[in-house]
Amino acid sequence: MDSSGTRVPGAPGTGDAAADSAPNATTPAHAAPTASGDGAVAPESTPAGPAPKKKDRHLYQIDFVRLVTFAGVVLDHVILSIASSTEIVAQGIGLILRYTRYCFFALTGFVLTYQYRNRELHAPTFWRRRFKLIGLPFLTWSLFYWVYNRYRRGGLDELQSIVDSTESIRLAVKSIAYDLITGHAAYHLYFLSVSMQIYVVFPAVLWVLKRTWGYHRYLLLVSGTFHIWLLYHMVRPPLQIFSDGFLGVIWRYLGITLLPYQFFILAGCLAAYHFEGFGAFMKRYKWPLALGSLVAIIVTLVYYRSEMHAGEETFRATNVFMVHNAFAYIGIIVLLYLGGTLWQNRRTPGSIADTLMRKAADRSFAIYLAHVLAIFSIMPLVNHWAAANGWRILITYLIVCVMTVFLVEVLRLSPVSLITTGRNRLDWREQNPLRQLPIAAGSIALGLILWYGDWASSKSLGQFFLGTGLLLAIGAGAVLYRRRTDRDETPAAV
């Protein structure tokens, strides 16, 4: 599954249809013989041997990296919502967690290249499938957060003011267009905007990689040099050429383009393109790589601490675009891949841990999309009741995770699953609406208590549970209706 929620195909040489229908296995190299070379049927006395076991080529190490990264970005956003800029330890943890930005894009490049490295890519088909899986959720959540943010700011009166006049409608349309272009409807949606830019250029990138065999190290060297140059200038006043005009606009919004991330994207592409060699390299040099990564992380944190004590601004010291921080981010990604390889080798298929990892990987993209809503909903209560400390961050993080998983499970069961999670709705035949309805009733009751209770700061949390419960009840009702309709339409057996 890539960062858009699409599962990694098992065999990179299979076609699209095969990849969708059997993502975790490859076609056997040969089938049991049924005929002799001259066309005669094989004698019945020679029974066919057992079908060869299909080799599982699913990249479980990528699932591991993805899951830890999504968990990390949720924690980073919780820290940003709670910790003040003067809390050095919390902000230091946030600094390290900012590796997630680069890791997301490295994963995207890796997964796309792994899928298409040994087969032809038909660009229009590729774009149609990819933009369906990520474009629809991006549009849905952008519109939702646009409306929700205005409701948070001024309630129903704020929403009503949108349609008060022709001018207010024009401004609203302009604001929505801006958020769709920039991914600014919520602070995490830029990732989808950049991902769609990657999808646009990926067919050309793959074309170049296939025609520059033997020169990939030089491509990566040029990309890395440009990356360092760009990061160096991004945290300083722009050069004269980027001070105004069209280039000035590009420079101002550089963080939501693929340019600051192109090195990590290309590195992911090349790692997948040379997957066998890359895997052998990581296995052979795992201990030196792990040691070097740890050194880079420790040095980065020591330098961060010294900068903070010297009076450096927190925003600058923890800036994801500072050149010296990039080495720690590379180290963290390397350590995670090594950890993922360990998981790949030691996992027990069908175990509880394996099942949880598989389900979490399936829902990771949806968790990323929905977790900000959970943070928005709980923060008024957290800020009102809890004292600022590490326990407050940890407890809030755990609650946000539970709330997000609950919402994502409800979305996966609902008719709006595709446009909100990028995944098709879970089969209604396998759903259990009689178990869902009591859960929905409990969520609705909790929501009403929190909304209309004496705690003014819990209103948004009540709205979260009320809305999620109503959505679950509607989905369960739709399943019951569908089953009754199918039963009525099924002819009685003769």
Protein backbone atom coordinates (compact mmCIF):
# COMPACT_ATOMS: atom_id res chain seq x y z
CA MET A 1 0.00 0.00 0.00
CA ASP A 2 1.44 3.35 -0.89
CA SER A 3 0.89 6.60 0.86
CA SER A 4 -2.41 7.05 -0.88
CA GLY A 5 -3.72 3.85 0.62
CA THR A 6 -3.05 1.58 -2.36
CA ARG A 7 -1.54 -1.79 -1.48
CA VAL A 8 1.83 -2.67 -2.92
CA PRO A 9 1.40 -5.38 -5.56
CA GLY A 10 3.11 -8.61 -4.87
CA ALA A 11 4.83 -8.92 -8.23
CA PRO A 12 6.02 -5.85 -10.04
CA GLY A 13 5.74 -7.56 -13.39
CA THR A 14 1.99 -8.21 -13.27
CA GLY A 15 -0.66 -6.09 -14.90
CA ASP A 16 -3.03 -3.69 -13.18
CA ALA A 17 -5.88 -6.15 -12.96
CA ALA A 18 -3.69 -8.86 -11.56
CA ALA A 19 -2.15 -6.50 -9.10
CA ASP A 20 -5.54 -5.49 -7.79
CA SER A 21 -6.89 -9.01 -7.52
CA ALA A 22 -3.83 -10.66 -5.95
CA PRO A 23 -1.69 -8.07 -4.28
CA ASN A 24 0.30 -10.41 -2.11
CA ALA A 25 1.26 -13.21 -4.45
CA THR A 26 2.78 -13.89 -7.81
CA THR A 27 1.68 -16.29 -10.51
CA PRO A 28 3.44 -19.66 -10.15
CA ALA A 29 6.33 -20.16 -12.53
CA HIS A 30 4.68 -23.31 -13.85
CA ALA A 31 1.42 -25.17 -13.46
CA ALA A 32 0.89 -28.87 -12.96
CA PRO A 33 1.27 -30.49 -16.42
CA THR A 34 -1.94 -31.62 -18.10
CA ALA A 35 -0.65 -32.46 -21.57
CA SER A 36 2.47 -33.88 -23.16
CA GLY A 37 4.63 -31.88 -25.51
CA ASP A 38 2.84 -33.24 -28.62
CA GLY A 39 -0.57 -32.33 -27.32
CA ALA A 40 -1.54 -35.74 -25.94
CA VAL A 41 -3.26 -35.80 -22.60
CA ALA A 42 -0.98 -36.91 -19.82
CA PRO A 43 -1.68 -40.40 -18.50
CA GLU A 44 -4.10 -40.53 -15.59
CA SER A 45 -1.68 -42.80 -13.77
CA THR A 46 0.72 -39.86 -13.37
CA PRO A 47 -1.01 -37.61 -10.86
CA ALA A 48 -0.15 -33.97 -10.93
CA GLY A 49 2.01 -32.89 -8.06
CA PRO A 50 0.78 -30.36 -5.52
CA ALA A 51 0.51 -26.84 -6.84
CA PRO A 52 3.61 -24.88 -5.91
CA LYS A 53 3.14 -22.56 -2.98
CA LYS A 54 2.77 -18.99 -4.03
CA LYS A 55 5.59 -16.83 -2.76
CA ASP A 56 4.46 -13.92 -0.67
CA ARG A 57 6.17 -10.84 -2.11
CA HIS A 58 4.25 -8.31 -0.08
CA LEU A 59 6.57 -5.67 1.38
CA TYR A 60 5.77 -6.02 5.06
CA GLN A 61 8.76 -3.87 5.97
CA ILE A 62 7.09 -0.98 4.14
CA ASP A 63 3.91 -1.54 6.18
CA PHE A 64 6.04 -1.24 9.31
CA VAL A 65 7.72 1.98 8.16
CA ARG A 66 4.40 3.46 7.09
CA LEU A 67 2.59 2.63 10.32
CA VAL A 68 5.33 4.05 12.56
CA THR A 69 5.50 7.16 10.38
CA PHE A 70 1.76 7.81 10.53
CA ALA A 71 1.83 7.29 14.30
CA GLY A 72 4.73 9.73 14.46
CA VAL A 73 2.97 12.47 12.54
CA VAL A 74 -0.06 12.23 14.85
CA LEU A 75 2.22 12.60 17.89
CA ASP A 76 4.00 15.54 16.27
CA HIS A 77 0.70 17.33 15.69
CA VAL A 78 -0.40 16.66 19.27
CA ILE A 79 2.86 18.14 20.57
CA LEU A 80 2.44 21.19 18.33
CA SER A 81 -1.09 21.64 19.72
CA ILE A 82 -0.06 21.42 23.39
CA ALA A 83 3.59 22.24 24.03
CA SER A 84 4.75 25.83 24.17
CA SER A 85 7.72 26.99 22.14
CA THR A 86 9.82 27.18 25.32
CA GLU A 87 9.52 23.49 26.21
CA ILE A 88 12.87 22.26 24.92
CA VAL A 89 12.32 18.52 25.44
CA ALA A 90 8.88 18.42 23.80
CA GLN A 91 10.02 20.55 20.89
CA GLY A 92 13.11 18.36 20.52
CA ILE A 93 10.89 15.31 20.18
CA GLY A 94 8.85 17.25 17.65
CA LEU A 95 12.02 18.07 15.74
CA ILE A 96 12.86 14.38 15.41
CA LEU A 97 9.28 13.49 14.48
CA ARG A 98 9.44 15.88 11.55
CA TYR A 99 11.24 13.15 9.63
CA THR A 100 7.72 11.99 8.78
CA ARG A 101 7.38 14.66 6.09
CA TYR A 102 10.34 13.35 4.12
CA CYS A 103 9.57 9.70 4.85
CA PHE A 104 6.07 10.04 3.37
CA PHE A 105 7.47 11.15 0.05
CA ALA A 106 10.29 8.59 0.04
CA LEU A 107 7.64 5.90 0.56
CA THR A 108 5.55 7.29 -2.29
CA GLY A 109 8.50 7.17 -4.69
CA PHE A 110 9.47 3.71 -3.47
CA VAL A 111 6.05 2.14 -3.82
CA LEU A 112 5.26 3.63 -7.23
CA THR A 113 8.59 2.50 -8.68
CA TYR A 114 8.33 -0.95 -7.14
CA GLN A 115 4.98 -1.38 -8.82
CA TYR A 116 6.07 -0.30 -12.28
CA ARG A 117 9.79 -1.02 -12.53
CA ASN A 118 9.26 -4.20 -14.59
CA ARG A 119 6.18 -3.28 -16.58
CA GLU A 120 4.95 -0.59 -18.84
CA LEU A 121 3.15 2.36 -17.38
CA HIS A 122 0.21 3.76 -19.34
CA ALA A 123 0.11 7.33 -18.07
CA PRO A 124 -3.63 8.10 -18.58
CA THR A 125 -4.63 4.87 -16.82
CA PHE A 126 -2.13 5.52 -14.04
CA TRP A 127 -3.39 9.06 -13.50
CA ARG A 128 -7.03 8.00 -13.55
CA ARG A 129 -6.54 5.35 -10.88
CA ARG A 130 -4.26 7.41 -8.67
CA PHE A 131 -6.27 10.60 -8.71
CA LYS A 132 -9.39 8.62 -7.91
CA LEU A 133 -7.75 7.13 -4.82
CA ILE A 134 -6.22 10.35 -3.52
CA GLY A 135 -8.02 13.15 -5.35
CA LEU A 136 -11.49 12.28 -4.08
CA PRO A 137 -10.43 12.15 -0.40
CA PHE A 138 -8.42 15.36 -0.86
CA LEU A 139 -11.47 17.14 -2.28
CA THR A 140 -13.81 15.72 0.37
CA TRP A 141 -11.63 16.53 3.36
CA SER A 142 -10.63 19.94 2.03
CA LEU A 143 -14.28 20.95 1.73
CA PHE A 144 -15.08 19.42 5.11
CA TYR A 145 -12.23 21.20 6.92
CA TRP A 146 -13.05 24.46 5.14
CA VAL A 147 -16.61 24.32 6.52
CA TYR A 148 -15.58 22.92 9.90
CA ASN A 149 -12.97 25.61 10.54
CA ARG A 150 -15.55 28.32 9.96
CA TYR A 151 -18.01 26.57 12.23
CA ARG A 152 -15.33 26.36 14.96
CA ARG A 153 -14.66 30.07 14.57
CA GLY A 154 -18.22 31.41 14.58
CA GLY A 155 -20.78 28.61 14.71
CA LEU A 156 -23.84 28.51 12.49
CA ASP A 157 -23.86 32.29 12.18
CA GLU A 158 -20.45 32.12 10.51
CA LEU A 159 -21.70 29.53 8.03
CA GLN A 160 -24.83 31.52 7.30
CA SER A 161 -22.76 34.62 6.57
CA ILE A 162 -21.14 32.78 3.66
CA VAL A 163 -24.33 33.08 1.61
CA ASP A 164 -25.45 36.49 2.87
CA SER A 165 -24.51 38.29 -0.33
CA THR A 166 -23.04 37.80 -3.77
CA GLU A 167 -19.74 39.20 -2.52
CA SER A 168 -19.58 36.77 0.42
CA ILE A 169 -20.27 33.86 -1.95
CA ARG A 170 -17.53 35.08 -4.30
CA LEU A 171 -15.06 35.30 -1.44
CA ALA A 172 -16.04 31.83 -0.23
CA VAL A 173 -15.47 30.32 -3.68
CA LYS A 174 -12.13 32.10 -3.91
CA SER A 175 -11.14 30.81 -0.47
CA ILE A 176 -12.12 27.24 -1.37
CA ALA A 177 -10.16 27.44 -4.62
CA TYR A 178 -7.11 28.68 -2.72
CA ASP A 179 -7.33 25.80 -0.23
CA LEU A 180 -7.70 23.24 -3.01
CA ILE A 181 -4.67 24.59 -4.85
CA THR A 182 -2.44 24.92 -1.80
CA GLY A 183 -3.76 22.15 0.46
CA HIS A 184 -4.26 24.69 3.24
CA ALA A 185 -7.79 23.72 4.29
CA ALA A 186 -6.02 21.95 7.17
CA TYR A 187 -2.35 21.97 8.03
CA HIS A 188 -1.75 18.35 6.99
CA LEU A 189 -3.43 18.31 3.59
CA TYR A 190 -0.37 19.72 1.80
CA PHE A 191 0.83 16.11 1.71
CA LEU A 192 -1.96 15.14 -0.66
CA SER A 193 -1.30 18.17 -2.82
CA VAL A 194 2.38 17.27 -3.16
CA SER A 195 1.49 13.59 -3.72
CA MET A 196 -0.67 14.54 -6.68
CA GLN A 197 2.23 16.53 -8.09
CA ILE A 198 4.36 13.39 -7.77
CA TYR A 199 1.73 11.42 -9.67
CA VAL A 200 1.79 13.97 -12.48
CA VAL A 201 5.54 13.69 -13.03
CA PHE A 202 6.07 10.03 -12.12
CA PRO A 203 5.58 8.60 -15.65
CA ALA A 204 8.35 10.93 -16.84
CA VAL A 205 10.57 10.02 -13.87
CA LEU A 206 10.16 6.31 -14.57
CA TRP A 207 10.93 6.90 -18.25
CA VAL A 208 14.18 8.63 -17.28
CA LEU A 209 15.18 5.91 -14.81
CA LYS A 210 14.68 3.18 -17.41
CA ARG A 211 16.88 5.01 -19.89
CA THR A 212 19.68 6.08 -17.58
CA TRP A 213 20.74 2.71 -16.23
CA GLY A 214 24.29 2.95 -14.93
CA TYR A 215 23.97 6.65 -14.18
CA HIS A 216 21.51 6.55 -11.30
CA ARG A 217 24.16 7.36 -8.69
CA TYR A 218 24.92 10.57 -10.55
CA LEU A 219 21.24 11.48 -10.71
CA LEU A 220 21.03 11.03 -6.95
CA LEU A 221 24.20 13.09 -6.44
CA VAL A 222 22.80 15.98 -8.49
CA SER A 223 19.46 15.71 -6.68
CA GLY A 224 21.18 15.75 -3.26
CA THR A 225 23.31 18.77 -4.18
CA PHE A 226 20.24 20.68 -5.33
CA HIS A 227 18.42 19.62 -2.16
CA ILE A 228 21.13 21.08 0.09
CA TRP A 229 21.28 24.30 -1.94
CA LEU A 230 17.51 24.69 -1.83
CA LEU A 231 17.19 24.04 1.91
CA TYR A 232 20.00 26.46 2.64
CA HIS A 233 18.19 29.28 0.83
CA MET A 234 14.67 28.37 2.03
CA VAL A 235 15.47 29.45 5.59
CA ARG A 236 17.08 32.71 4.46
CA PRO A 237 15.85 35.82 2.65
CA PRO A 238 15.10 34.89 -0.98
CA LEU A 239 17.53 35.65 -3.75
CA GLN A 240 16.69 38.67 -5.87
CA ILE A 241 15.33 36.53 -8.69
CA PHE A 242 12.76 35.04 -6.28
CA SER A 243 11.74 38.30 -4.60
CA ASP A 244 8.75 39.14 -6.81
CA GLY A 245 6.69 38.10 -9.83
CA PHE A 246 5.83 34.52 -10.70
CA LEU A 247 9.06 33.14 -9.26
CA GLY A 248 8.33 35.07 -6.08
CA VAL A 249 4.99 33.29 -5.77
CA ILE A 250 6.63 29.90 -6.34
CA TRP A 251 9.25 30.67 -3.70
CA ARG A 252 6.61 31.77 -1.19
CA TYR A 253 4.75 28.47 -1.57
CA LEU A 254 7.80 26.28 -2.09
CA GLY A 255 6.91 24.08 0.88
CA ILE A 256 3.81 22.78 -0.88
CA THR A 257 5.62 21.89 -4.09
CA LEU A 258 7.61 18.71 -4.68
CA LEU A 259 10.89 20.62 -5.03
CA PRO A 260 12.01 20.51 -1.35
CA TYR A 261 11.23 16.79 -1.29
CA GLN A 262 12.60 15.71 -4.68
CA PHE A 263 15.76 14.14 -3.21
CA PHE A 264 13.79 11.84 -0.89
CA ILE A 265 11.32 11.00 -3.66
CA LEU A 266 14.15 10.08 -6.04
CA ALA A 267 15.97 8.14 -3.32
CA GLY A 268 12.81 6.10 -2.74
CA CYS A 269 12.44 5.53 -6.48
CA LEU A 270 16.03 4.31 -6.86
CA ALA A 271 15.85 2.08 -3.78
CA ALA A 272 12.84 0.32 -5.30
CA TYR A 273 14.28 0.24 -8.83
CA HIS A 274 17.35 -1.57 -7.47
CA PHE A 275 15.35 -3.36 -4.80
CA GLU A 276 17.38 -6.56 -4.68
CA GLY A 277 20.70 -4.71 -4.51
CA PHE A 278 19.30 -2.19 -2.05
CA GLY A 279 18.04 -4.96 0.22
CA ALA A 280 21.37 -6.77 0.09
CA PHE A 281 23.22 -3.54 0.90
CA MET A 282 20.99 -2.79 3.89
CA LYS A 283 21.41 -6.34 5.17
CA ARG A 284 25.18 -6.42 4.75
CA TYR A 285 25.87 -3.04 6.32
CA LYS A 286 23.01 -2.88 8.81
CA TRP A 287 25.20 -2.33 11.89
CA PRO A 288 27.36 0.46 10.42
CA LEU A 289 24.22 2.08 8.98
CA ALA A 290 22.43 1.86 12.33
CA LEU A 291 25.43 3.29 14.18
CA GLY A 292 25.85 6.14 11.70
CA SER A 293 22.14 6.93 11.90
CA LEU A 294 22.20 7.06 15.70
CA VAL A 295 25.23 9.35 15.64
CA ALA A 296 23.48 11.71 13.21
CA ILE A 297 20.38 11.83 15.43
CA ILE A 298 22.36 12.43 18.63
CA VAL A 299 24.52 15.15 17.07
CA THR A 300 21.38 16.86 15.72
CA LEU A 301 19.75 16.87 19.16
CA VAL A 302 22.91 18.13 20.87
CA TYR A 303 23.19 20.94 18.34
CA TYR A 304 19.49 21.75 18.76
CA ARG A 305 19.90 22.01 22.53
CA SER A 306 22.91 24.28 22.21
CA GLU A 307 21.07 26.51 19.73
CA MET A 308 18.06 26.81 22.02
CA HIS A 309 20.23 27.74 25.00
CA ALA A 310 22.00 30.28 22.80
CA GLY A 311 18.68 32.02 22.17
CA GLU A 312 17.73 30.62 18.76
CA GLU A 313 14.02 30.83 17.90
CA THR A 314 12.21 27.52 18.34
CA PHE A 315 10.64 27.78 14.90
CA ARG A 316 14.06 28.05 13.29
CA ALA A 317 15.80 25.46 15.47
CA THR A 318 13.11 22.84 14.74
CA ASN A 319 12.52 23.85 11.12
CA VAL A 320 12.18 20.83 8.87
CA PHE A 321 14.03 22.71 6.11
CA MET A 322 17.23 23.36 8.07
CA VAL A 323 20.04 21.57 6.24
CA HIS A 324 21.66 20.08 9.34
CA ASN A 325 18.37 18.49 10.42
CA ALA A 326 18.08 16.57 7.13
CA PHE A 327 20.90 14.17 8.11
CA ALA A 328 18.99 13.07 11.20
CA TYR A 329 15.87 12.52 9.09
CA ILE A 330 17.81 10.30 6.71
CA GLY A 331 19.13 8.36 9.70
CA ILE A 332 15.65 7.85 11.15
CA ILE A 333 14.34 6.54 7.83
CA VAL A 334 17.26 4.13 7.60
CA LEU A 335 16.63 2.86 11.15
CA LEU A 336 12.94 2.39 10.42
CA TYR A 337 13.67 0.39 7.28
CA LEU A 338 16.07 -1.81 9.23
CA GLY A 339 13.36 -2.28 11.85
CA GLY A 340 10.87 -3.09 9.12
CA THR A 341 13.22 -5.71 7.69
CA LEU A 342 13.47 -7.27 11.15
CA TRP A 343 9.66 -7.35 11.30
CA GLN A 344 9.50 -8.89 7.83
CA ASN A 345 11.84 -11.71 8.83
CA ARG A 346 10.32 -12.47 12.23
CA ARG A 347 6.61 -11.90 11.74
CA THR A 348 4.28 -14.85 12.26
CA PRO A 349 1.56 -14.88 9.57
CA GLY A 350 -1.90 -14.83 11.13
CA SER A 351 -0.67 -13.79 14.56
CA ILE A 352 -2.36 -11.00 16.51
CA ALA A 353 0.55 -8.66 15.82
CA ASP A 354 0.49 -9.52 12.11
CA THR A 355 -3.26 -8.99 11.89
CA LEU A 356 -3.06 -5.65 13.70
CA MET A 357 -0.21 -4.51 11.45
CA ARG A 358 -2.12 -5.51 8.32
CA LYS A 359 -5.30 -3.71 9.38
CA ALA A 360 -3.41 -0.65 10.56
CA ALA A 361 -1.55 -0.43 7.25
CA ASP A 362 -4.86 -0.68 5.40
CA ARG A 363 -6.27 2.25 7.37
CA SER A 364 -3.13 4.37 7.74
CA PHE A 365 -4.00 6.84 4.98
CA ALA A 366 -7.47 7.39 6.41
CA ILE A 367 -5.98 7.86 9.88
CA TYR A 368 -3.74 10.57 8.49
CA LEU A 369 -6.70 12.36 6.94
CA ALA A 370 -8.96 12.16 9.99
CA HIS A 371 -6.63 12.63 12.96
CA VAL A 372 -6.68 16.44 12.76
CA LEU A 373 -10.44 16.39 13.30
CA ALA A 374 -9.88 14.39 16.50
CA ILE A 375 -7.24 16.89 17.65
CA PHE A 376 -9.51 19.85 16.92
CA SER A 377 -12.32 18.16 18.85
CA ILE A 378 -10.43 17.32 22.03
CA MET A 379 -8.10 20.31 22.41
CA PRO A 380 -10.65 22.70 24.01
CA LEU A 381 -11.21 20.18 26.81
CA VAL A 382 -7.49 19.39 27.17
CA ASN A 383 -6.54 23.05 27.37
CA HIS A 384 -9.25 23.70 29.96
CA TRP A 385 -8.61 20.82 32.35
CA ALA A 386 -5.08 19.49 31.96
CA ALA A 387 -1.83 21.00 33.19
CA ALA A 388 0.97 21.27 30.67
CA ASN A 389 3.39 18.33 31.09
CA GLY A 390 4.58 15.16 29.40
CA TRP A 391 1.71 13.07 30.73
CA ARG A 392 -0.75 15.51 29.24
CA ILE A 393 0.82 15.04 25.82
CA LEU A 394 0.93 11.24 26.11
CA ILE A 395 -2.67 10.86 27.33
CA THR A 396 -3.97 13.27 24.73
CA TYR A 397 -2.06 11.36 22.04
CA LEU A 398 -3.58 8.03 23.08
CA ILE A 399 -7.08 9.51 23.17
CA VAL A 400 -6.61 11.09 19.74
CA CYS A 401 -5.47 7.72 18.36
CA VAL A 402 -8.53 5.94 19.76
CA MET A 403 -10.88 8.63 18.46
CA THR A 404 -9.26 8.57 15.02
CA VAL A 405 -9.36 4.79 14.70
CA PHE A 406 -13.02 4.81 15.76
CA LEU A 407 -13.88 7.42 13.13
CA VAL A 408 -11.91 5.61 10.42
CA GLU A 409 -13.62 2.29 11.18
CA VAL A 410 -16.99 4.00 10.89
CA LEU A 411 -15.98 5.62 7.59
CA ARG A 412 -14.82 2.26 6.19
CA LEU A 413 -18.23 0.79 7.02
CA SER A 414 -20.13 3.71 5.50
CA PRO A 415 -21.23 4.51 1.94
CA VAL A 416 -18.75 7.43 1.90
CA SER A 417 -15.71 5.21 2.41
CA LEU A 418 -14.15 5.76 -1.02
CA ILE A 419 -14.33 9.54 -0.96
CA THR A 420 -13.10 9.82 2.64
CA THR A 421 -10.53 7.02 2.98
CA GLY A 422 -9.48 6.22 -0.58
CA ARG A 423 -10.63 2.63 -0.04
CA ASN A 424 -13.81 0.89 -1.10
CA ARG A 425 -16.46 0.31 1.54
CA LEU A 426 -16.10 -2.91 3.52
CA ASP A 427 -18.41 -5.52 2.01
CA TRP A 428 -21.90 -4.99 3.42
CA ARG A 429 -22.44 -8.79 3.43
CA GLU A 430 -19.68 -9.14 6.01
CA GLN A 431 -20.83 -6.30 8.24
CA ASN A 432 -22.70 -6.87 11.51
CA PRO A 433 -25.27 -4.05 11.78
CA LEU A 434 -26.85 -5.52 14.91
CA ARG A 435 -23.55 -5.05 16.69
CA GLN A 436 -22.94 -1.64 15.10
CA LEU A 437 -26.27 -0.14 16.23
CA PRO A 438 -25.60 -0.40 20.01
CA ILE A 439 -22.14 1.12 19.47
CA ALA A 440 -23.74 3.90 17.45
CA ALA A 441 -26.30 4.48 20.21
CA GLY A 442 -23.55 4.68 22.84
CA SER A 443 -21.56 7.14 20.75
CA ILE A 444 -24.62 9.31 20.18
CA ALA A 445 -25.48 9.27 23.91
CA LEU A 446 -21.91 10.20 24.86
CA GLY A 447 -21.94 12.95 22.28
CA LEU A 448 -25.16 14.44 23.64
CA ILE A 449 -23.87 14.32 27.23
CA LEU A 450 -20.65 16.09 26.29
CA TRP A 451 -22.40 18.60 24.05
CA TYR A 452 -25.16 19.63 26.43
CA GLY A 453 -23.34 19.03 29.71
CA ASP A 454 -22.06 21.73 32.01
CA TRP A 455 -18.57 21.63 30.46
CA ALA A 456 -18.51 24.26 27.76
CA SER A 457 -15.07 23.09 26.64
CA SER A 458 -16.39 19.60 25.81
CA LYS A 459 -18.89 20.77 23.17
CA SER A 460 -16.64 20.03 20.19
CA LEU A 461 -15.82 16.59 21.61
CA GLY A 462 -19.53 15.90 21.96
CA GLN A 463 -20.11 16.90 18.36
CA PHE A 464 -17.39 14.48 17.28
CA PHE A 465 -19.00 11.47 18.98
CA LEU A 466 -22.51 12.53 18.02
CA GLY A 467 -21.61 12.88 14.34
CA THR A 468 -19.60 9.65 14.26
CA GLY A 469 -22.40 7.74 15.99
CA LEU A 470 -25.01 9.07 13.58
CA LEU A 471 -22.85 8.07 10.61
CA LEU A 472 -22.44 4.56 12.03
CA ALA A 473 -26.19 4.27 12.62
CA ILE A 474 -26.96 5.41 9.08
CA GLY A 475 -24.48 2.91 7.65
CA ALA A 476 -25.91 0.06 9.74
CA GLY A 477 -29.43 1.02 8.71
CA ALA A 478 -28.39 0.99 5.05
CA VAL A 479 -26.96 -2.51 5.46
CA LEU A 480 -30.14 -3.79 7.10
CA TYR A 481 -32.23 -2.24 4.33
CA ARG A 482 -30.00 -3.79 1.67
CA ARG A 483 -30.27 -7.24 3.23
CA ARG A 484 -34.03 -6.98 3.49
CA THR A 485 -34.29 -5.83 -0.13
CA ASP A 486 -32.11 -8.70 -1.34
CA ARG A 487 -34.11 -11.19 0.70
CA ASP A 488 -37.39 -9.94 -0.74
CA GLU A 489 -36.04 -10.06 -4.28
CA THR A 490 -34.59 -13.57 -3.94
CA PRO A 491 -37.07 -16.08 -5.46
CA ALA A 492 -38.17 -18.89 -3.22
CA ALA A 493 -36.59 -22.28 -3.92
CA VAL A 494 -38.80 -24.65 -5.89
